[in-house]
PDB file of N, CA and C in Angstrom:
ATOM      1  N   MET A   1       7.642 -52.033   7.205  1.00  0.00           N
ATOM      2  CA  MET A   1       8.002 -50.872   6.788  1.00  0.00           C
ATOM      3  C   MET A   1       9.069 -50.816   5.652  1.00  0.00           C
ATOM      4  N   THR A   2       8.867 -49.861   4.830  1.00  0.00           N
ATOM      5  CA  THR A   2       9.654 -49.723   3.564  1.00  0.00           C
ATOM      6  C   THR A   2      10.685 -48.587   3.893  1.00  0.00           C
ATOM      7  N   ASP A   3      11.763 -48.431   3.461  1.00  0.00           N
ATOM      8  CA  ASP A   3      12.512 -47.390   3.472  1.00  0.00           C
ATOM      9  C   ASP A   3      12.217 -46.053   2.482  1.00  0.00           C
ATOM     10  N   LYS A   4      11.447 -46.310   1.728  1.00  0.00           N
ATOM     11  CA  LYS A   4      10.960 -45.241   0.658  1.00  0.00           C
ATOM     12  C   LYS A   4      10.208 -44.278   1.579  1.00  0.00           C
ATOM     13  N   PRO A   5      10.341 -42.711   1.287  1.00  0.00           N
ATOM     14  CA  PRO A   5       9.822 -41.750   1.859  1.00  0.00           C
ATOM     15  C   PRO A   5       8.067 -41.906   1.436  1.00  0.00           C
ATOM     16  N   LYS A   6       7.159 -41.537   2.304  1.00  0.00           N
ATOM     17  CA  LYS A   6       5.910 -41.704   1.982  1.00  0.00           C
ATOM     18  C   LYS A   6       5.507 -40.505   1.139  1.00  0.00           C
ATOM     19  N   LYS A   7       4.507 -40.855   0.211  1.00  0.00           N
ATOM     20  CA  LYS A   7       3.960 -39.714  -0.633  1.00  0.00           C
ATOM     21  C   LYS A   7       2.569 -39.348  -0.090  1.00  0.00           C
ATOM     22  N   THR A   8       2.268 -38.047   0.281  1.00  0.00           N
ATOM     23  CA  THR A   8       0.883 -38.058   0.962  1.00  0.00           C
ATOM     24  C   THR A   8       0.193 -36.872  -0.044  1.00  0.00           C
ATOM     25  N   ALA A   9      -1.079 -36.428   0.322  1.00  0.00           N
ATOM     26  CA  ALA A   9      -1.812 -35.699  -0.516  1.00  0.00           C
ATOM     27  C   ALA A   9      -1.072 -34.457  -0.476  1.00  0.00           C
ATOM     28  N   GLY A  10      -0.249 -34.057   0.409  1.00  0.00           N
ATOM     29  CA  GLY A  10       0.145 -32.690   0.373  1.00  0.00           C
ATOM     30  C   GLY A  10      -0.521 -31.855   1.659  1.00  0.00           C
ATOM     31  N   TRP A  11      -0.812 -32.677   2.667  1.00  0.00           N
ATOM     32  CA  TRP A  11      -1.378 -32.039   3.892  1.00  0.00           C
ATOM     33  C   TRP A  11       0.037 -31.607   4.909  1.00  0.00           C
ATOM     34  N   GLY A  12      -0.027 -30.266   5.185  1.00  0.00           N
ATOM     35  CA  GLY A  12       0.861 -29.972   6.387  1.00  0.00           C
ATOM     36  C   GLY A  12       2.589 -30.210   5.982  1.00  0.00           C
ATOM     37  N   GLY A  13       3.227 -29.588   6.734  1.00  0.00           N
ATOM     38  CA  GLY A  13       4.619 -29.558   6.124  1.00  0.00           C
ATOM     39  C   GLY A  13       4.968 -28.602   5.068  1.00  0.00           C
ATOM     40  N   SER A  14       6.141 -28.748   4.986  1.00  0.00           N
ATOM     41  CA  SER A  14       6.968 -27.693   3.789  1.00  0.00           C
ATOM     42  C   SER A  14       6.883 -28.766   2.560  1.00  0.00           C
ATOM     43  N   ARG A  15       6.878 -28.190   1.647  1.00  0.00           N
ATOM     44  CA  ARG A  15       6.875 -28.825   0.389  1.00  0.00           C
ATOM     45  C   ARG A  15       8.124 -28.446  -0.468  1.00  0.00           C
ATOM     46  N   PRO A  16       8.815 -29.327  -1.246  1.00  0.00           N
ATOM     47  CA  PRO A  16      10.003 -28.800  -1.812  1.00  0.00           C
ATOM     48  C   PRO A  16       9.369 -27.812  -3.059  1.00  0.00           C
ATOM     49  N   GLY A  17      10.203 -26.826  -3.024  1.00  0.00           N
ATOM     50  CA  GLY A  17       9.755 -25.943  -4.411  1.00  0.00           C
ATOM     51  C   GLY A  17       8.871 -24.752  -3.942  1.00  0.00           C
ATOM     52  N   ALA A  18       8.009 -25.055  -2.868  1.00  0.00           N
ATOM     53  CA  ALA A  18       7.257 -24.218  -2.342  1.00  0.00           C
ATOM     54  C   ALA A  18       7.603 -22.742  -1.772  1.00  0.00           C
ATOM     55  N   GLY A  19       6.963 -21.733  -1.963  1.00  0.00           N
ATOM     56  CA  GLY A  19       7.155 -20.417  -1.667  1.00  0.00           C
ATOM     57  C   GLY A  19       7.700 -19.404  -2.573  1.00  0.00           C
ATOM     58  N   ARG A  20       7.980 -18.244  -2.280  1.00  0.00           N
ATOM     59  CA  ARG A  20       8.306 -17.358  -3.217  1.00  0.00           C
ATOM     60  C   ARG A  20       9.796 -17.394  -3.671  1.00  0.00           C
ATOM     61  N   LYS A  21      10.324 -17.385  -4.579  1.00  0.00           N
ATOM     62  CA  LYS A  21      11.513 -17.738  -5.263  1.00  0.00           C
ATOM     63  C   LYS A  21      12.165 -16.208  -4.756  1.00  0.00           C
ATOM     64  N   PRO A  22      13.574 -16.393  -4.310  1.00  0.00           N
ATOM     65  CA  PRO A  22      14.471 -15.229  -4.153  1.00  0.00           C
ATOM     66  C   PRO A  22      14.800 -14.484  -5.423  1.00  0.00           C
ATOM     67  N   LYS A  23      14.817 -13.364  -5.312  1.00  0.00           N
ATOM     68  CA  LYS A  23      15.378 -12.456  -6.406  1.00  0.00           C
ATOM     69  C   LYS A  23      16.720 -12.258  -6.522  1.00  0.00           C
ATOM     70  N   PRO A  24      17.187 -12.299  -7.678  1.00  0.00           N
ATOM     71  CA  PRO A  24      18.733 -12.485  -7.616  1.00  0.00           C
ATOM     72  C   PRO A  24      19.293 -10.933  -7.335  1.00  0.00           C
ATOM     73  N   PRO A  25      20.362 -10.791  -6.521  1.00  0.00           N
ATOM     74  CA  PRO A  25      20.758  -9.494  -6.013  1.00  0.00           C
ATOM     75  C   PRO A  25      21.049  -8.636  -7.093  1.00  0.00           C
ATOM     76  N   HIS A  26      20.806  -7.235  -6.811  1.00  0.00           N
ATOM     77  CA  HIS A  26      21.129  -6.319  -8.003  1.00  0.00           C
ATOM     78  C   HIS A  26      22.430  -5.758  -7.665  1.00  0.00           C
ATOM     79  N   VAL A  27      23.285  -6.233  -8.863  1.00  0.00           N
ATOM     80  CA  VAL A  27      24.647  -5.818  -8.851  1.00  0.00           C
ATOM     81  C   VAL A  27      24.967  -4.686  -9.567  1.00  0.00           C
ATOM     82  N   THR A  28      25.642  -3.876  -8.890  1.00  0.00           N
ATOM     83  CA  THR A  28      25.868  -2.419  -9.457  1.00  0.00           C
ATOM     84  C   THR A  28      27.483  -2.299  -9.192  1.00  0.00           C
ATOM     85  N   GLY A  29      28.062  -1.224  -9.981  1.00  0.00           N
ATOM     86  CA  GLY A  29      29.502  -0.949  -9.795  1.00  0.00           C
ATOM     87  C   GLY A  29      29.830  -0.550  -8.430  1.00  0.00           C
ATOM     88  N   GLU A  30      28.796  -0.526  -7.385  1.00  0.00           N
ATOM     89  CA  GLU A  30      29.168  -0.118  -6.097  1.00  0.00           C
ATOM     90  C   GLU A  30      30.064   1.164  -6.162  1.00  0.00           C
ATOM     91  N   ARG A  31      29.637   2.251  -6.880  1.00  0.00           N
ATOM     92  CA  ARG A  31      30.306   3.532  -7.133  1.00  0.00           C
ATOM     93  C   ARG A  31      29.719   4.448  -5.951  1.00  0.00           C
ATOM     94  N   ASP A  32      30.497   5.073  -5.320  1.00  0.00           N
ATOM     95  CA  ASP A  32      29.945   6.029  -4.288  1.00  0.00           C
ATOM     96  C   ASP A  32      29.730   7.313  -5.248  1.00  0.00           C
ATOM     97  N   PRO A  33      28.147   7.759  -4.840  1.00  0.00           N
ATOM     98  CA  PRO A  33      27.813   9.114  -5.398  1.00  0.00           C
ATOM     99  C   PRO A  33      28.740  10.452  -5.526  1.00  0.00           C
ATOM    100  N   LEU A  34      29.429  10.645  -4.367  1.00  0.00           N
ATOM    101  CA  LEU A  34      30.066  11.513  -4.260  1.00  0.00           C
ATOM    102  C   LEU A  34      31.584  11.379  -5.042  1.00  0.00           C
ATOM    103  N   GLU A  35      32.116  10.158  -5.167  1.00  0.00           N
ATOM    104  CA  GLU A  35      33.206   9.881  -6.009  1.00  0.00           C
ATOM    105  C   GLU A  35      32.859  10.229  -7.431  1.00  0.00           C
ATOM    106  N   PHE A  36      31.504   9.787  -7.769  1.00  0.00           N
ATOM    107  CA  PHE A  36      31.106   9.842  -9.170  1.00  0.00           C
ATOM    108  C   PHE A  36      31.155  11.408  -9.480  1.00  0.00           C
ATOM    109  N   LEU A  37      30.565  12.162  -8.752  1.00  0.00           N
ATOM    110  CA  LEU A  37      30.358  13.472  -8.997  1.00  0.00           C
ATOM    111  C   LEU A  37      31.694  14.295  -9.112  1.00  0.00           C
ATOM    112  N   LEU A  38      32.749  13.698  -8.136  1.00  0.00           N
ATOM    113  CA  LEU A  38      34.222  14.460  -8.127  1.00  0.00           C
ATOM    114  C   LEU A  38      34.766  14.051  -9.464  1.00  0.00           C
ATOM    115  N   ASP A  39      34.487  12.779 -10.121  1.00  0.00           N
ATOM    116  CA  ASP A  39      35.125  12.383 -11.159  1.00  0.00           C
ATOM    117  C   ASP A  39      34.433  13.248 -12.421  1.00  0.00           C
ATOM    118  N   VAL A  40      33.293  13.476 -12.328  1.00  0.00           N
ATOM    119  CA  VAL A  40      32.640  14.405 -13.279  1.00  0.00           C
ATOM    120  C   VAL A  40      33.069  15.705 -13.220  1.00  0.00           C
ATOM    121  N   MET A  41      33.248  16.192 -12.163  1.00  0.00           N
ATOM    122  CA  MET A  41      33.740  17.766 -11.938  1.00  0.00           C
ATOM    123  C   MET A  41      35.219  17.634 -12.359  1.00  0.00           C
ATOM    124  N   GLN A  42      35.836  16.834 -12.353  1.00  0.00           N
ATOM    125  CA  GLN A  42      37.299  16.711 -12.691  1.00  0.00           C
ATOM    126  C   GLN A  42      37.567  16.303 -14.169  1.00  0.00           C
ATOM    127  N   GLY A  43      36.514  15.973 -14.824  1.00  0.00           N
ATOM    128  CA  GLY A  43      36.426  15.532 -16.307  1.00  0.00           C
ATOM    129  C   GLY A  43      37.022  14.049 -16.677  1.00  0.00           C
ATOM    130  N   LYS A  44      36.952  13.359 -15.562  1.00  0.00           N
ATOM    131  CA  LYS A  44      37.392  11.952 -15.840  1.00  0.00           C
ATOM    132  C   LYS A  44      36.368  11.120 -16.384  1.00  0.00           C
ATOM    133  N   VAL A  45      35.029  11.451 -15.999  1.00  0.00           N
ATOM    134  CA  VAL A  45      33.919  10.768 -16.727  1.00  0.00           C
ATOM    135  C   VAL A  45      33.193  11.607 -17.121  1.00  0.00           C
ATOM    136  N   ALA A  46      32.459  11.335 -18.425  1.00  0.00           N
ATOM    137  CA  ALA A  46      31.680  11.881 -19.211  1.00  0.00           C
ATOM    138  C   ALA A  46      30.164  11.338 -18.891  1.00  0.00           C
ATOM    139  N   ALA A  47      29.558  12.331 -18.107  1.00  0.00           N
ATOM    140  CA  ALA A  47      28.171  11.713 -17.691  1.00  0.00           C
ATOM    141  C   ALA A  47      27.166  12.552 -18.175  1.00  0.00           C
ATOM    142  N   ASN A  48      25.659  11.836 -18.330  1.00  0.00           N
ATOM    143  CA  ASN A  48      24.524  12.816 -18.954  1.00  0.00           C
ATOM    144  C   ASN A  48      23.972  13.527 -17.858  1.00  0.00           C
ATOM    145  N   LEU A  49      23.148  14.247 -18.069  1.00  0.00           N
ATOM    146  CA  LEU A  49      22.396  14.890 -17.085  1.00  0.00           C
ATOM    147  C   LEU A  49      21.575  14.249 -16.054  1.00  0.00           C
ATOM    148  N   ALA A  50      20.964  13.020 -16.454  1.00  0.00           N
ATOM    149  CA  ALA A  50      20.246  12.187 -15.733  1.00  0.00           C
ATOM    150  C   ALA A  50      21.065  11.337 -14.754  1.00  0.00           C
ATOM    151  N   GLN A  51      22.343  10.875 -15.078  1.00  0.00           N
ATOM    152  CA  GLN A  51      23.223  10.277 -14.055  1.00  0.00           C
ATOM    153  C   GLN A  51      23.669  11.336 -13.131  1.00  0.00           C
ATOM    154  N   VAL A  52      23.926  12.594 -13.451  1.00  0.00           N
ATOM    155  CA  VAL A  52      24.409  13.696 -12.424  1.00  0.00           C
ATOM    156  C   VAL A  52      23.270  13.941 -11.619  1.00  0.00           C
ATOM    157  N   LYS A  53      22.220  14.058 -12.047  1.00  0.00           N
ATOM    158  CA  LYS A  53      20.782  14.067 -11.096  1.00  0.00           C
ATOM    159  C   LYS A  53      20.603  13.030 -10.159  1.00  0.00           C
ATOM    160  N   ALA A  54      20.784  11.698 -10.630  1.00  0.00           N
ATOM    161  CA  ALA A  54      20.570  10.666  -9.851  1.00  0.00           C
ATOM    162  C   ALA A  54      21.589  10.494  -8.886  1.00  0.00           C
ATOM    163  N   ALA A  55      22.954  11.027  -9.231  1.00  0.00           N
ATOM    164  CA  ALA A  55      23.912  10.907  -8.058  1.00  0.00           C
ATOM    165  C   ALA A  55      23.951  11.963  -6.943  1.00  0.00           C
ATOM    166  N   ILE A  56      23.280  13.333  -7.394  1.00  0.00           N
ATOM    167  CA  ILE A  56      23.076  14.342  -6.491  1.00  0.00           C
ATOM    168  C   ILE A  56      21.967  13.982  -5.550  1.00  0.00           C
ATOM    169  N   ALA A  57      20.956  13.160  -6.199  1.00  0.00           N
ATOM    170  CA  ALA A  57      19.702  12.657  -5.284  1.00  0.00           C
ATOM    171  C   ALA A  57      20.084  11.612  -4.477  1.00  0.00           C
ATOM    172  N   ALA A  58      21.126  10.781  -4.657  1.00  0.00           N
ATOM    173  CA  ALA A  58      21.407   9.557  -3.940  1.00  0.00           C
ATOM    174  C   ALA A  58      22.660   9.903  -2.573  1.00  0.00           C
ATOM    175  N   ALA A  59      23.146  11.149  -3.025  1.00  0.00           N
ATOM    176  CA  ALA A  59      24.246  11.390  -1.979  1.00  0.00           C
ATOM    177  C   ALA A  59      24.043  11.502  -0.327  1.00  0.00           C
ATOM    178  N   PRO A  60      22.519  12.392  -0.217  1.00  0.00           N
ATOM    179  CA  PRO A  60      22.497  12.326   1.263  1.00  0.00           C
ATOM    180  C   PRO A  60      22.075  10.993   1.892  1.00  0.00           C
ATOM    181  N   TYR A  61      21.641  10.020   1.102  1.00  0.00           N
ATOM    182  CA  TYR A  61      21.139   8.753   1.682  1.00  0.00           C
ATOM    183  C   TYR A  61      22.574   8.024   1.972  1.00  0.00           C
ATOM    184  N   VAL A  62      23.640   8.262   1.499  1.00  0.00           N
ATOM    185  CA  VAL A  62      24.895   7.666   1.576  1.00  0.00           C
ATOM    186  C   VAL A  62      25.751   8.552   2.490  1.00  0.00           C
ATOM    187  N   HIS A  63      25.583   9.515   2.135  1.00  0.00           N
ATOM    188  CA  HIS A  63      26.650  10.341   3.016  1.00  0.00           C
ATOM    189  C   HIS A  63      25.898  11.687   3.828  1.00  0.00           C
ATOM    190  N   PRO A  64      25.267  11.383   4.969  1.00  0.00           N
ATOM    191  CA  PRO A  64      24.314  12.304   5.533  1.00  0.00           C
ATOM    192  C   PRO A  64      25.222  13.668   5.966  1.00  0.00           C
ATOM    193  N   LYS A  65      24.693  14.632   6.236  1.00  0.00           N
ATOM    194  CA  LYS A  65      25.466  15.949   6.380  1.00  0.00           C
ATOM    195  C   LYS A  65      25.798  15.693   7.959  1.00  0.00           C
ATOM    196  N   LYS A  66      26.862  16.110   8.207  1.00  0.00           N
ATOM    197  CA  LYS A  66      27.598  16.130   9.840  1.00  0.00           C
ATOM    198  C   LYS A  66      26.728  16.437  10.758  1.00  0.00           C
ATOM    199  N   GLY A  67      26.088  17.606  10.657  1.00  0.00           N
ATOM    200  CA  GLY A  67      25.320  18.123  11.631  1.00  0.00           C
ATOM    201  C   GLY A  67      23.884  17.464  11.493  1.00  0.00           C
ATOM    202  N   GLU A  68      23.469  16.669  10.609  1.00  0.00           N
ATOM    203  CA  GLU A  68      22.286  16.269  10.570  1.00  0.00           C
ATOM    204  C   GLU A  68      22.093  14.979  11.494  1.00  0.00           C
ATOM    205  N   SER A  69      21.371  15.108  12.382  1.00  0.00           N
ATOM    206  CA  SER A  69      20.990  13.890  13.201  1.00  0.00           C
ATOM    207  C   SER A  69      19.647  14.247  13.958  1.00  0.00           C
ATOM    208  N   GLY A  70      18.938  13.245  14.473  1.00  0.00           N
ATOM    209  CA  GLY A  70      17.641  13.562  15.105  1.00  0.00           C
ATOM    210  C   GLY A  70      17.744  14.417  16.347  1.00  0.00           C
ATOM    211  N   LYS A  71      16.775  14.560  16.988  1.00  0.00           N
ATOM    212  CA  LYS A  71      16.775  15.619  18.064  1.00  0.00           C
ATOM    213  C   LYS A  71      16.985  14.436  19.134  1.00  0.00           C
ATOM    214  N   LYS A  72      16.679  13.185  19.299  1.00  0.00           N
ATOM    215  CA  LYS A  72      16.897  12.319  20.192  1.00  0.00           C
ATOM    216  C   LYS A  72      18.375  12.050  20.406  1.00  0.00           C
ATOM    217  N   GLU A  73      19.224  11.840  19.272  1.00  0.00           N
ATOM    218  CA  GLU A  73      20.713  11.400  19.499  1.00  0.00           C
ATOM    219  C   GLU A  73      21.351  12.528  20.070  1.00  0.00           C
ATOM    220  N   GLU A  74      20.769  14.168  19.377  1.00  0.00           N
ATOM    221  CA  GLU A  74      21.214  15.042  19.778  1.00  0.00           C
ATOM    222  C   GLU A  74      21.270  15.514  21.364  1.00  0.00           C
ATOM    223  N   ALA A  75      20.020  14.977  22.034  1.00  0.00           N
ATOM    224  CA  ALA A  75      19.815  15.115  23.445  1.00  0.00           C
ATOM    225  C   ALA A  75      20.599  14.029  24.057  1.00  0.00           C
ATOM    226  N   ALA A  76      20.742  12.976  23.471  1.00  0.00           N
ATOM    227  CA  ALA A  76      21.384  11.847  24.304  1.00  0.00           C
ATOM    228  C   ALA A  76      23.040  12.243  24.230  1.00  0.00           C
ATOM    229  N   THR A  77      23.550  12.780  23.276  1.00  0.00           N
ATOM    230  CA  THR A  77      25.035  13.284  23.180  1.00  0.00           C
ATOM    231  C   THR A  77      25.176  14.578  24.375  1.00  0.00           C
ATOM    232  N   VAL A  78      24.235  15.194  24.268  1.00  0.00           N
ATOM    233  CA  VAL A  78      24.409  16.360  25.401  1.00  0.00           C
ATOM    234  C   VAL A  78      24.147  15.737  26.670  1.00  0.00           C
ATOM    235  N   ALA A  79      23.311  14.976  26.898  1.00  0.00           N
ATOM    236  CA  ALA A  79      23.091  14.254  28.447  1.00  0.00           C
ATOM    237  C   ALA A  79      24.426  13.446  28.801  1.00  0.00           C
ATOM    238  N   LYS A  80      25.149  12.779  27.829  1.00  0.00           N
ATOM    239  CA  LYS A  80      26.361  12.010  28.124  1.00  0.00           C
ATOM    240  C   LYS A  80      27.380  13.089  28.449  1.00  0.00           C
ATOM    241  N   LYS A  81      27.399  14.166  27.988  1.00  0.00           N
ATOM    242  CA  LYS A  81      28.368  15.245  28.329  1.00  0.00           C
ATOM    243  C   LYS A  81      28.265  15.670  29.564  1.00  0.00           C
ATOM    244  N   ALA A  82      26.847  15.909  29.895  1.00  0.00           N
ATOM    245  CA  ALA A  82      26.678  16.548  31.175  1.00  0.00           C
ATOM    246  C   ALA A  82      26.947  15.540  32.367  1.00  0.00           C
ATOM    247  N   ALA A  83      26.705  14.247  32.077  1.00  0.00           N
ATOM    248  CA  ALA A  83      26.668  13.338  33.138  1.00  0.00           C
ATOM    249  C   ALA A  83      27.964  12.794  33.289  1.00  0.00           C
ATOM    250  N   ALA A  84      29.195  13.127  32.384  1.00  0.00           N
ATOM    251  CA  ALA A  84      30.390  12.505  32.201  1.00  0.00           C
ATOM    252  C   ALA A  84      31.254  12.836  33.567  1.00  0.00           C
ATOM    253  N   GLY A  85      30.959  14.204  34.132  1.00  0.00           N
ATOM    254  CA  GLY A  85      31.599  14.552  35.501  1.00  0.00           C
ATOM    255  C   GLY A  85      31.013  15.678  36.278  1.00  0.00           C
ATOM    256  N   GLY A  86      31.332  15.801  37.226  1.00  0.00           N
ATOM    257  CA  GLY A  86      30.859  17.114  37.891  1.00  0.00           C
ATOM    258  C   GLY A  86      29.956  16.524  38.959  1.00  0.00           C
ATOM    259  N   LYS A  87      29.148  17.382  39.635  1.00  0.00           N
ATOM    260  CA  LYS A  87      28.360  17.272  40.563  1.00  0.00           C
ATOM    261  C   LYS A  87      27.342  16.034  40.553  1.00  0.00           C
ATOM    262  N   PHE A  88      26.678  15.951  39.402  1.00  0.00           N
ATOM    263  CA  PHE A  88      25.723  14.825  39.037  1.00  0.00           C
ATOM    264  C   PHE A  88      26.177  13.605  38.297  1.00  0.00           C
ATOM    265  N   ALA A  89      27.453  13.200  38.391  1.00  0.00           N
ATOM    266  CA  ALA A  89      28.338  11.994  37.871  1.00  0.00           C
ATOM    267  C   ALA A  89      27.478  10.705  38.576  1.00  0.00           C
ATOM    268  N   PRO A  90      27.541   9.711  37.817  1.00  0.00           N
ATOM    269  CA  PRO A  90      27.175   8.622  38.702  1.00  0.00           C
ATOM    270  C   PRO A  90      28.353   8.205  39.584  1.00  0.00           C
ATOM    271  N   ALA A  91      27.678   7.563  40.905  1.00  0.00           N
ATOM    272  CA  ALA A  91      28.621   7.131  41.625  1.00  0.00           C
ATOM    273  C   ALA A  91      29.306   5.868  41.488  1.00  0.00           C
ATOM    274  N   LYS A  92      30.467   5.677  41.878  1.00  0.00           N
ATOM    275  CA  LYS A  92      31.421   4.536  41.624  1.00  0.00           C
ATOM    276  C   LYS A  92      30.768   3.457  42.180  1.00  0.00           C
ATOM    277  N   ALA A  93      30.896   2.245  41.507  1.00  0.00           N
ATOM    278  CA  ALA A  93      30.353   0.840  42.042  1.00  0.00           C
ATOM    279  C   ALA A  93      31.054   0.377  43.239  1.00  0.00           C
ATOM    280  N   PRO A  94      30.145  -0.177  44.148  1.00  0.00           N
ATOM    281  CA  PRO A  94      30.803  -0.608  45.350  1.00  0.00           C
ATOM    282  C   PRO A  94      31.592  -1.663  45.032  1.00  0.00           C
ATOM    283  N   ALA A  95      32.555  -2.070  46.042  1.00  0.00           N
ATOM    284  CA  ALA A  95      33.489  -2.902  45.918  1.00  0.00           C
ATOM    285  C   ALA A  95      32.690  -4.425  46.026  1.00  0.00           C
ATOM    286  N   ASN A  96      33.241  -5.195  45.559  1.00  0.00           N
ATOM    287  CA  ASN A  96      32.780  -6.565  45.465  1.00  0.00           C
ATOM    288  C   ASN A  96      33.198  -7.403  46.709  1.00  0.00           C
ATOM    289  N   VAL A  97      32.203  -7.196  47.897  1.00  0.00           N
ATOM    290  CA  VAL A  97      32.654  -7.967  49.206  1.00  0.00           C
ATOM    291  C   VAL A  97      31.715  -9.016  49.317  1.00  0.00           C
ATOM    292  N   LEU A  98      32.096 -10.023  49.811  1.00  0.00           N
ATOM    293  CA  LEU A  98      31.523 -11.281  49.874  1.00  0.00           C
ATOM    294  C   LEU A  98      30.797 -11.274  51.334  1.00  0.00           C
ATOM    295  N   PRO A  99      29.608 -11.497  51.447  1.00  0.00           N
ATOM    296  CA  PRO A  99      28.984 -11.457  52.805  1.00  0.00           C
ATOM    297  C   PRO A  99      29.526 -12.627  53.976  1.00  0.00           C
ATOM    298  N   MET A 100      29.328 -12.107  54.989  1.00  0.00           N
ATOM    299  CA  MET A 100      30.024 -13.041  56.158  1.00  0.00           C
ATOM    300  C   MET A 100      28.909 -14.123  56.349  1.00  0.00           C
ATOM    301  N   ARG A 101      29.704 -15.352  56.789  1.00  0.00           N
ATOM    302  CA  ARG A 101      28.491 -16.336  56.742  1.00  0.00           C
ATOM    303  C   ARG A 101      28.887 -16.880  58.179  1.00  0.00           C
ATOM    304  N   ARG A 102      27.776 -17.170  58.867  1.00  0.00           N
ATOM    305  CA  ARG A 102      27.713 -17.712  60.105  1.00  0.00           C
ATOM    306  C   ARG A 102      28.283 -19.170  60.202  1.00  0.00           C
ATOM    307  N   PRO A 103      28.847 -19.378  61.423  1.00  0.00           N
ATOM    308  CA  PRO A 103      29.517 -20.736  61.530  1.00  0.00           C
ATOM    309  C   PRO A 103      28.288 -21.781  61.803  1.00  0.00           C
ATOM    310  N   LYS A 104      28.299 -22.851  61.504  1.00  0.00           N
ATOM    311  CA  LYS A 104      27.389 -23.888  61.644  1.00  0.00           C
ATOM    312  C   LYS A 104      27.494 -24.571  62.811  1.00  0.00           C
ATOM    313  N   ASP A 105      26.368 -24.634  63.645  1.00  0.00           N
ATOM    314  CA  ASP A 105      26.558 -25.255  65.045  1.00  0.00           C
ATOM    315  C   ASP A 105      25.967 -26.629  65.034  1.00  0.00           C
ATOM    316  N   GLY A 106      26.740 -27.466  65.435  1.00  0.00           N
ATOM    317  CA  GLY A 106      26.249 -28.932  65.241  1.00  0.00           C
ATOM    318  C   GLY A 106      25.275 -29.375  66.321  1.00  0.00           C
ATOM    319  N   GLY A 107      25.338 -28.535  67.491  1.00  0.00           N
ATOM    320  CA  GLY A 107      24.550 -29.121  68.587  1.00  0.00           C
ATOM    321  C   GLY A 107      23.245 -28.298  68.880  1.00  0.00           C
ATOM    322  N   GLU A 108      22.931 -27.288  68.318  1.00  0.00           N
ATOM    323  CA  GLU A 108      21.648 -26.947  68.514  1.00  0.00           C
ATOM    324  C   GLU A 108      20.505 -27.153  67.772  1.00  0.00           C
TER     325      GLU A 108
END
């Protein structure tokens, strides 16, 4: 046997350099759309109309409105508030008690 790796016809297994090449990450200034709009409003930044429209369009995806949540999340929060106390509150967990063991009889 030799210590050299075998060169095969390429059947099976992973091959070096195979597959899709990863795309380089898209690097931006990581600027928050609301901060950008506030800077435009205060006159700190001179922006064109396209930049302002893009920031307005991106703002709801970064900062959703406080009251904007789905029906399921809203129903879950209402259910948690209702179950927090009162008549239908979950019962307290039982105490952790070890079961009694029978003594071993040697003669029976």
